[in-house]
């Protein structure tokens, strides 16, 4: 079966795609034998959350995958991929979607952006345009991070905890014994092919699955520490990834006529000479020392915001709407004609006129109408999506503001 173009291009940036040596992974049977008893009620709640989760017709999602490699000669290497996927029409299997990916590896940068409809992806890779026929499942797989929740068997889990956060989300934190972790990392998470290296083993692992109060699966975070040997050199790898969902059953994706007309000139991916695609970025997309610094840089480089030179960055669209991000006051402003909504990420508070909503307590002032509160909540989501487009998260931005 042919590999997807995106996955091939991403693989070309990974050092492990072709330079591997064979090694056997430990069996899950041995892992099951050494597993410790777990709280049955917690595991039942975990399995029920998966079995009864709502399947949305639309969503906006963000993914991130990071490999930090440390070699025994003290050299280091970093691979980072972040992306977004917005999709609607899932239930009827008539999906329209928009995807982005940013890949950084060994000093090279790659940017991908595509529209998916009628079973075909029209994609742009570093200014090269092509199309490829694929299923929506294939499109999700091309983002290199598992996007669907996976139920882990009870007898392979070494620890399982459940907790609720302030918003009513339930978070299940899972640790596997090393043998099962090795098997699961290989089959579910690893784009590098580390299981084919000598001495492959998982030295620590944590998986966090989050479900919201409405029954949606909204986030998975995975962390693995891996050790391998290559060319007689020991390599320690810290792997982390996440998938996070917003706007479940509240996302609409449409492709404009102008985009469809321009896509008529795209060529089949098989007709592209990938060796001629440059991986030299025209912009500096590297991380700064702070989340805020990286956000400022990528607002301009990735999203086309204007730096006003006074601590504010602005993007105007649709002739009547605009986003303004005020870093001095830690505020995101959404303006529609003459109406302005603001969200403070430092205080986690949104407002419009006399109406104020505290997201920490879900308390609002008496002057708030339901439609106003709904839009204030949307405005926080708008900021979250801008951060996701930049490979960042609101949690990290808020942590710096405290």
Protein backbone atom coordinates (compact mmCIF):
# COMPACT_ATOMS: atom_id res chain seq x y z
CA UNK A 1 0.00 0.00 0.00
CA UNK A 2 1.43 3.35 -0.96
CA UNK A 3 2.58 5.73 1.74
CA UNK A 4 1.06 9.17 1.94
CA UNK A 5 3.05 12.09 0.57
CA UNK A 6 3.05 13.98 3.87
CA UNK A 7 4.35 11.02 5.83
CA UNK A 8 7.11 10.46 3.28
CA UNK A 9 8.18 14.08 3.42
CA UNK A 10 8.18 14.06 7.20
CA UNK A 11 10.10 10.80 7.25
CA UNK A 12 12.77 12.33 5.02
CA UNK A 13 13.54 14.75 7.83
CA UNK A 14 13.93 11.99 10.43
CA UNK A 15 17.39 10.47 10.79
CA UNK A 16 15.98 7.10 11.77
CA UNK A 17 13.84 6.43 8.71
CA UNK A 18 16.58 4.60 6.81
CA UNK A 19 19.52 4.18 9.22
CA UNK A 20 18.35 1.48 11.60
CA UNK A 21 19.51 -1.91 12.85
CA UNK A 22 17.24 -4.74 13.86
CA UNK A 23 16.30 -5.41 17.48
CA UNK A 24 13.51 -7.44 19.04
CA UNK A 25 10.97 -5.88 21.37
CA UNK A 26 9.82 -7.56 24.55
CA UNK A 27 6.47 -9.27 24.53
CA UNK A 28 3.27 -7.93 26.05
CA UNK A 29 2.70 -11.37 27.59
CA UNK A 30 5.61 -10.93 29.99
CA UNK A 31 4.32 -7.44 30.79
CA UNK A 32 0.90 -8.79 31.72
CA UNK A 33 2.46 -11.29 34.11
CA UNK A 34 4.29 -8.57 36.05
CA UNK A 35 1.45 -6.02 36.18
CA UNK A 36 0.21 -4.92 39.61
CA UNK A 37 -3.45 -4.95 40.74
CA UNK A 38 -5.34 -1.73 40.06
CA UNK A 39 -8.39 -0.07 41.55
CA UNK A 40 -11.23 -1.76 39.70
CA UNK A 41 -13.60 1.21 39.95
CA UNK A 42 -11.05 3.58 38.40
CA UNK A 43 -10.37 1.23 35.52
CA UNK A 44 -14.12 0.72 34.97
CA UNK A 45 -14.63 4.50 34.85
CA UNK A 46 -11.76 4.78 32.35
CA UNK A 47 -13.19 2.09 30.06
CA UNK A 48 -16.69 3.57 30.34
CA UNK A 49 -15.36 7.00 29.34
CA UNK A 50 -13.90 5.48 26.18
CA UNK A 51 -16.90 3.28 25.39
CA UNK A 52 -19.41 6.10 25.89
CA UNK A 53 -17.44 9.00 24.42
CA UNK A 54 -19.28 11.27 22.02
CA UNK A 55 -18.18 11.19 18.41
CA UNK A 56 -18.27 14.75 17.08
CA UNK A 57 -19.36 15.71 13.58
CA UNK A 58 -16.76 18.48 13.59
CA UNK A 59 -13.77 19.66 15.59
CA UNK A 60 -10.63 21.76 15.67
CA UNK A 61 -7.54 19.87 16.80
CA UNK A 62 -3.87 20.55 17.46
CA UNK A 63 -1.01 18.07 17.55
CA UNK A 64 2.62 18.23 18.63
CA UNK A 65 5.40 15.66 18.55
CA UNK A 66 8.88 16.28 19.96
CA UNK A 67 12.01 14.11 20.09
CA UNK A 68 14.96 15.33 22.18
CA UNK A 69 17.99 13.14 21.57
CA UNK A 70 21.15 13.14 23.69
CA UNK A 71 24.17 11.17 22.44
CA UNK A 72 26.98 9.68 24.52
CA UNK A 73 29.44 12.08 22.84
CA UNK A 74 27.43 14.94 24.43
CA UNK A 75 25.90 16.06 21.12
CA UNK A 76 22.17 16.73 20.96
CA UNK A 77 19.50 16.67 18.28
CA UNK A 78 15.93 17.93 18.16
CA UNK A 79 12.92 17.06 16.01
CA UNK A 80 9.69 19.03 16.47
CA UNK A 81 6.43 18.76 14.55
CA UNK A 82 3.30 20.74 15.30
CA UNK A 83 0.10 20.90 13.33
CA UNK A 84 -3.62 21.58 13.26
CA UNK A 85 -6.61 19.83 11.75
CA UNK A 86 -10.04 21.43 11.43
CA UNK A 87 -12.75 19.15 10.08
CA UNK A 88 -16.52 19.06 9.57
CA UNK A 89 -18.97 16.65 7.96
CA UNK A 90 -17.45 13.64 9.72
CA UNK A 91 -20.69 11.80 10.58
CA UNK A 92 -21.88 11.65 6.97
CA UNK A 93 -18.39 10.67 5.79
CA UNK A 94 -18.34 13.79 3.65
CA UNK A 95 -15.43 15.50 5.34
CA UNK A 96 -14.11 18.94 4.52
CA UNK A 97 -10.91 19.73 6.39
CA UNK A 98 -8.00 22.12 6.63
CA UNK A 99 -4.62 20.95 7.89
CA UNK A 100 -1.28 22.55 8.71
CA UNK A 101 2.09 21.12 9.70
CA UNK A 102 5.39 22.67 10.71
CA UNK A 103 8.40 20.37 10.94
CA UNK A 104 11.82 21.31 12.27
CA UNK A 105 14.68 18.82 12.10
CA UNK A 106 18.46 19.22 12.08
CA UNK A 107 18.29 22.88 11.14
CA UNK A 108 15.77 22.48 8.34
CA UNK A 109 12.22 23.78 8.33
CA UNK A 110 9.22 22.48 6.42
CA UNK A 111 5.74 23.96 6.22
CA UNK A 112 2.67 22.18 4.90
CA UNK A 113 -0.87 23.47 4.48
CA UNK A 114 -3.73 21.68 2.80
CA UNK A 115 -7.43 21.54 2.01
CA UNK A 116 -9.22 18.19 2.04
CA UNK A 117 -12.58 17.50 0.41
CA UNK A 118 -14.22 14.86 -1.80
CA UNK A 119 -11.59 12.35 -0.68
CA UNK A 120 -8.64 14.37 -1.96
CA UNK A 121 -5.99 16.46 -0.20
CA UNK A 122 -4.72 19.57 -2.00
CA UNK A 123 -1.50 20.34 -0.22
CA UNK A 124 1.30 22.91 -0.35
CA UNK A 125 4.72 21.80 0.85
CA UNK A 126 7.29 24.62 0.99
CA UNK A 127 5.56 26.33 -1.97
CA UNK A 128 5.20 23.13 -4.02
CA UNK A 129 1.55 22.30 -4.79
CA UNK A 130 0.27 18.75 -5.24
CA UNK A 131 -2.78 16.59 -4.58
CA UNK A 132 -3.28 13.08 -3.26
CA UNK A 133 -6.37 10.91 -2.94
CA UNK A 134 -6.78 9.51 0.55
CA UNK A 135 -9.30 8.71 3.25
CA UNK A 136 -9.91 11.03 6.18
CA UNK A 137 -8.30 8.38 8.37
CA UNK A 138 -5.16 8.61 6.21
CA UNK A 139 -5.15 12.38 6.60
CA UNK A 140 -5.26 12.07 10.39
CA UNK A 141 -2.44 9.52 10.32
CA UNK A 142 -0.26 11.87 8.28
CA UNK A 143 -0.07 14.24 11.24
CA UNK A 144 2.27 11.73 12.95
CA UNK A 145 0.44 11.84 16.30
CA UNK A 146 -2.37 9.41 17.24
CA UNK A 147 -5.59 11.41 17.24
CA UNK A 148 -8.01 8.79 18.60
CA UNK A 149 -8.10 7.45 22.14
CA UNK A 150 -6.86 3.90 22.64
CA UNK A 151 -8.04 1.65 25.46
CA UNK A 152 -5.14 0.08 27.35
CA UNK A 153 -5.75 -3.35 28.83
CA UNK A 154 -5.94 -3.52 32.60
CA UNK A 155 -3.35 -6.27 33.03
CA UNK A 156 -0.69 -4.22 31.23
CA UNK A 157 -1.04 -1.10 33.41
CA UNK A 158 1.31 -0.52 36.34
CA UNK A 159 -0.58 2.50 37.69
CA UNK A 160 -3.80 4.37 36.90
CA UNK A 161 -5.08 7.56 38.52
CA UNK A 162 -8.16 9.69 37.89
CA UNK A 163 -8.66 13.35 38.78
CA UNK A 164 -10.95 16.23 37.87
CA UNK A 165 -9.73 19.71 36.99
CA UNK A 166 -11.51 22.99 37.71
CA UNK A 167 -13.47 22.84 34.43
CA UNK A 168 -14.97 19.43 35.10
CA UNK A 169 -12.61 17.49 32.83
CA UNK A 170 -11.65 14.01 34.00
CA UNK A 171 -7.98 13.14 33.47
CA UNK A 172 -6.77 9.54 33.53
CA UNK A 173 -3.02 9.20 34.09
CA UNK A 174 -1.63 5.83 33.04
CA UNK A 175 1.78 4.22 33.42
CA UNK A 176 2.65 0.92 31.75
CA UNK A 177 5.28 -1.60 32.67
CA UNK A 178 8.38 -1.27 30.49
CA UNK A 179 7.67 -4.21 28.17
CA UNK A 180 4.16 -3.12 27.30
CA UNK A 181 5.30 0.49 26.99
CA UNK A 182 7.91 -0.57 24.42
CA UNK A 183 5.32 -2.40 22.35
CA UNK A 184 2.77 0.42 22.54
CA UNK A 185 5.29 3.15 21.76
CA UNK A 186 6.43 1.24 18.69
CA UNK A 187 2.96 0.61 17.33
CA UNK A 188 1.20 3.86 18.30
CA UNK A 189 3.59 6.78 18.71
CA UNK A 190 7.00 6.30 17.14
CA UNK A 191 7.67 7.93 13.76
CA UNK A 192 11.42 7.42 14.12
CA UNK A 193 11.56 3.62 14.13
CA UNK A 194 13.51 3.29 17.36
CA UNK A 195 12.42 -0.31 17.90
CA UNK A 196 14.77 -1.28 15.06
CA UNK A 197 17.81 0.05 16.90
CA UNK A 198 19.94 -2.12 19.19
CA UNK A 199 19.16 -2.09 22.89
CA UNK A 200 15.74 -0.48 22.44
CA UNK A 201 13.95 -0.02 25.75
CA UNK A 202 11.52 2.34 27.45
CA UNK A 203 12.85 3.65 30.77
CA UNK A 204 9.77 5.66 31.80
CA UNK A 205 6.33 6.44 30.41
CA UNK A 206 3.15 8.38 31.15
CA UNK A 207 -0.06 8.74 29.15
CA UNK A 208 -2.80 11.18 30.11
CA UNK A 209 -6.26 10.91 28.52
CA UNK A 210 -8.76 13.70 29.19
CA UNK A 211 -12.55 13.65 28.78
CA UNK A 212 -14.74 16.72 29.27
CA UNK A 213 -18.00 16.96 31.20
CA UNK A 214 -19.99 16.41 27.99
CA UNK A 215 -18.31 13.08 27.29
CA UNK A 216 -15.94 14.20 24.53
CA UNK A 217 -12.36 12.92 24.37
CA UNK A 218 -10.51 16.25 24.37
CA UNK A 219 -6.81 15.57 24.96
CA UNK A 220 -4.05 13.01 25.14
CA UNK A 221 -0.53 13.72 26.35
CA UNK A 222 2.18 11.08 26.07
CA UNK A 223 5.72 11.10 27.48
CA UNK A 224 8.28 8.34 26.96
CA UNK A 225 11.97 8.09 27.82
CA UNK A 226 13.78 5.77 25.41
CA UNK A 227 17.30 4.40 25.23
CA UNK A 228 18.94 2.77 22.19
CA UNK A 229 22.38 2.14 20.73
CA UNK A 230 23.45 3.15 17.24
CA UNK A 231 26.96 2.76 15.77
CA UNK A 232 28.18 1.79 19.26
CA UNK A 233 26.91 5.07 20.66
CA UNK A 234 24.27 5.25 23.41
CA UNK A 235 21.34 7.55 22.69
CA UNK A 236 18.78 8.73 25.25
CA UNK A 237 15.56 10.14 23.83
CA UNK A 238 12.82 12.14 25.50
CA UNK A 239 9.64 11.87 23.47
CA UNK A 240 6.50 13.91 24.09
CA UNK A 241 3.32 14.36 22.10
CA UNK A 242 -0.19 15.63 22.47
CA UNK A 243 -3.45 15.93 20.62
CA UNK A 244 -5.94 18.53 21.89
CA UNK A 245 -9.47 19.22 20.67
CA UNK A 246 -11.54 22.42 20.65
CA UNK A 247 -14.92 23.42 19.20
CA UNK A 248 -16.32 19.90 19.23
CA UNK A 249 -19.46 19.97 17.07
CA UNK A 250 -18.84 23.69 16.67
CA UNK A 251 -16.38 23.83 13.76
CA UNK A 252 -17.34 24.66 10.18
CA UNK A 253 -14.83 24.22 7.36
CA UNK A 254 -15.53 25.56 3.87
CA UNK A 255 -13.28 25.85 0.83
CA UNK A 256 -13.62 29.08 -1.11
CA UNK A 257 -14.18 29.15 -4.86
CA UNK A 258 -10.85 30.95 -5.29
CA UNK A 259 -9.04 28.11 -3.50
CA UNK A 260 -10.82 25.49 -5.59
CA UNK A 261 -9.92 27.32 -8.81
CA UNK A 262 -6.25 27.55 -7.84
CA UNK A 263 -6.17 23.85 -6.92
CA UNK A 264 -7.00 22.94 -10.52
CA UNK A 265 -3.31 23.46 -11.31
CA UNK A 266 -2.03 21.11 -8.60
CA UNK A 267 -0.20 17.99 -9.83
CA UNK A 268 -0.39 14.43 -8.55
CA UNK A 269 2.10 13.78 -5.76
CA UNK A 270 3.70 10.98 -7.82
CA UNK A 271 4.76 13.54 -10.42
CA UNK A 272 6.80 15.60 -7.97
CA UNK A 273 10.56 15.25 -7.70
CA UNK A 274 10.82 15.59 -3.91
CA UNK A 275 14.60 16.05 -4.12
CA UNK A 276 13.96 19.48 -5.63
CA UNK A 277 11.86 20.67 -2.72
CA UNK A 278 13.89 23.04 -0.60
CA UNK A 279 13.85 22.67 3.17
CA UNK A 280 15.37 26.09 3.74
CA UNK A 281 12.89 28.25 5.59
CA UNK A 282 12.41 31.79 4.36
CA UNK A 283 11.54 32.88 7.89
CA UNK A 284 13.05 32.28 11.31
CA UNK A 285 10.58 29.92 12.97
CA UNK A 286 12.83 28.70 15.77
CA UNK A 287 11.77 28.80 19.40
CA UNK A 288 12.68 31.74 21.56
CA UNK A 289 13.59 31.41 25.24
CA UNK A 290 9.98 32.09 26.28
CA UNK A 291 6.55 31.07 25.03
CA UNK A 292 5.63 34.73 24.63
CA UNK A 293 8.72 35.42 22.55
CA UNK A 294 8.01 32.45 20.28
CA UNK A 295 4.38 33.51 19.96
CA UNK A 296 5.34 37.03 18.87
CA UNK A 297 7.73 35.70 16.24
CA UNK A 298 5.29 33.17 14.81
CA UNK A 299 2.32 35.54 14.81
CA UNK A 300 4.21 37.50 12.17
CA UNK A 301 6.01 34.64 10.40
CA UNK A 302 3.24 32.05 10.32
CA UNK A 303 0.00 33.99 10.65
CA UNK A 304 0.78 37.33 8.99
CA UNK A 305 0.06 39.59 11.96
CA UNK A 306 1.35 43.16 11.93
CA UNK A 307 3.76 44.10 14.72
CA UNK A 308 2.63 47.59 15.73
CA UNK A 309 5.86 48.23 17.64
CA UNK A 310 4.09 49.03 20.91
CA UNK A 311 3.60 45.52 22.28
CA UNK A 312 0.46 44.87 20.21
CA UNK A 313 0.06 42.58 17.19
CA UNK A 314 -2.95 42.82 14.89
CA UNK A 315 -4.64 40.80 12.17
CA UNK A 316 -7.62 42.24 10.25
CA UNK A 317 -9.95 40.07 8.15
CA UNK A 318 -13.44 40.04 6.62
CA UNK A 319 -13.37 43.86 6.43
CA UNK A 320 -15.11 44.10 9.80
CA UNK A 321 -13.30 41.72 12.16
CA UNK A 322 -9.88 41.81 13.76
CA UNK A 323 -7.71 40.16 16.38
CA UNK A 324 -5.38 42.26 18.52
CA UNK A 325 -2.95 40.67 20.94
CA UNK A 326 -1.67 43.05 23.62
CA UNK A 327 1.35 41.51 25.30
CA UNK A 328 1.80 44.45 27.68
CA UNK A 329 -1.60 43.80 29.24
CA UNK A 330 -1.72 40.02 28.50
CA UNK A 331 -4.97 40.52 26.59
CA UNK A 332 -6.52 39.14 23.42
CA UNK A 333 -9.09 41.42 21.74
CA UNK A 334 -11.67 40.36 19.18
CA UNK A 335 -13.45 43.22 17.39
CA UNK A 336 -16.49 42.82 15.15
CA UNK A 337 -17.58 46.15 13.67
CA UNK A 338 -17.83 48.36 16.77
CA UNK A 339 -18.24 45.59 19.35
CA UNK A 340 -15.12 44.46 21.19
CA UNK A 341 -14.63 41.34 23.31
CA UNK A 342 -11.51 40.84 25.40
CA UNK A 343 -9.86 37.91 27.12
CA UNK A 344 -7.07 38.21 29.70
CA UNK A 345 -4.91 35.11 29.74
CA UNK A 346 -3.21 36.26 32.95
CA UNK A 347 -6.47 36.44 34.89
CA UNK A 348 -8.39 33.88 32.77
CA UNK A 349 -11.20 36.43 32.54
CA UNK A 350 -13.25 37.53 29.53
CA UNK A 351 -15.42 40.59 29.10
CA UNK A 352 -17.61 42.66 26.80
CA UNK A 353 -18.78 45.98 28.11
CA UNK A 354 -20.20 45.49 31.61
CA UNK A 355 -20.32 41.71 31.22
CA UNK A 356 -17.43 39.79 32.77
CA UNK A 357 -16.86 36.03 32.93
CA UNK A 358 -14.32 34.41 35.25
CA UNK A 359 -13.28 31.12 33.66
CA UNK A 360 -11.72 29.83 36.90
CA UNK A 361 -15.02 29.98 38.78
CA UNK A 362 -17.46 30.14 35.82
CA UNK A 363 -19.00 33.15 37.60
CA UNK A 364 -20.33 36.07 35.56
CA UNK A 365 -21.74 39.50 36.35
CA UNK A 366 -25.50 40.01 36.36
CA UNK A 367 -25.37 42.13 33.21
CA UNK A 368 -24.44 39.18 30.97
CA UNK A 369 -26.74 37.76 28.34
CA UNK A 370 -26.33 34.14 27.25
CA UNK A 371 -25.27 35.16 23.75
CA UNK A 372 -22.61 37.48 25.17
CA UNK A 373 -21.24 34.77 27.45
CA UNK A 374 -21.16 32.36 24.53
CA UNK A 375 -19.11 34.79 22.43
CA UNK A 376 -16.72 35.49 25.31
CA UNK A 377 -16.08 31.74 25.52
CA UNK A 378 -15.52 31.68 21.76
CA UNK A 379 -12.97 34.48 22.07
CA UNK A 380 -10.87 32.41 24.48
CA UNK A 381 -11.06 29.58 21.93
CA UNK A 382 -9.91 31.96 19.17
CA UNK A 383 -6.75 32.69 21.17
CA UNK A 384 -6.19 28.99 21.81
CA UNK A 385 -6.38 28.29 18.08
CA UNK A 386 -3.93 31.10 17.26
CA UNK A 387 -1.52 29.54 19.74
CA UNK A 388 -2.04 26.09 18.23
CA UNK A 389 -1.30 27.47 14.76
CA UNK A 390 1.99 28.60 16.27
CA UNK A 391 2.74 25.24 17.88
CA UNK A 392 2.07 26.60 21.39
CA UNK A 393 -0.51 26.20 24.14
CA UNK A 394 -2.54 28.54 26.31
CA UNK A 395 -1.40 26.67 29.42
CA UNK A 396 2.24 27.57 28.73
CA UNK A 397 1.37 31.19 27.95
CA UNK A 398 -0.62 31.49 31.18
CA UNK A 399 2.13 29.87 33.25
CA UNK A 400 4.58 32.56 32.11
CA UNK A 401 2.12 35.34 32.98
CA UNK A 402 1.79 34.33 36.64
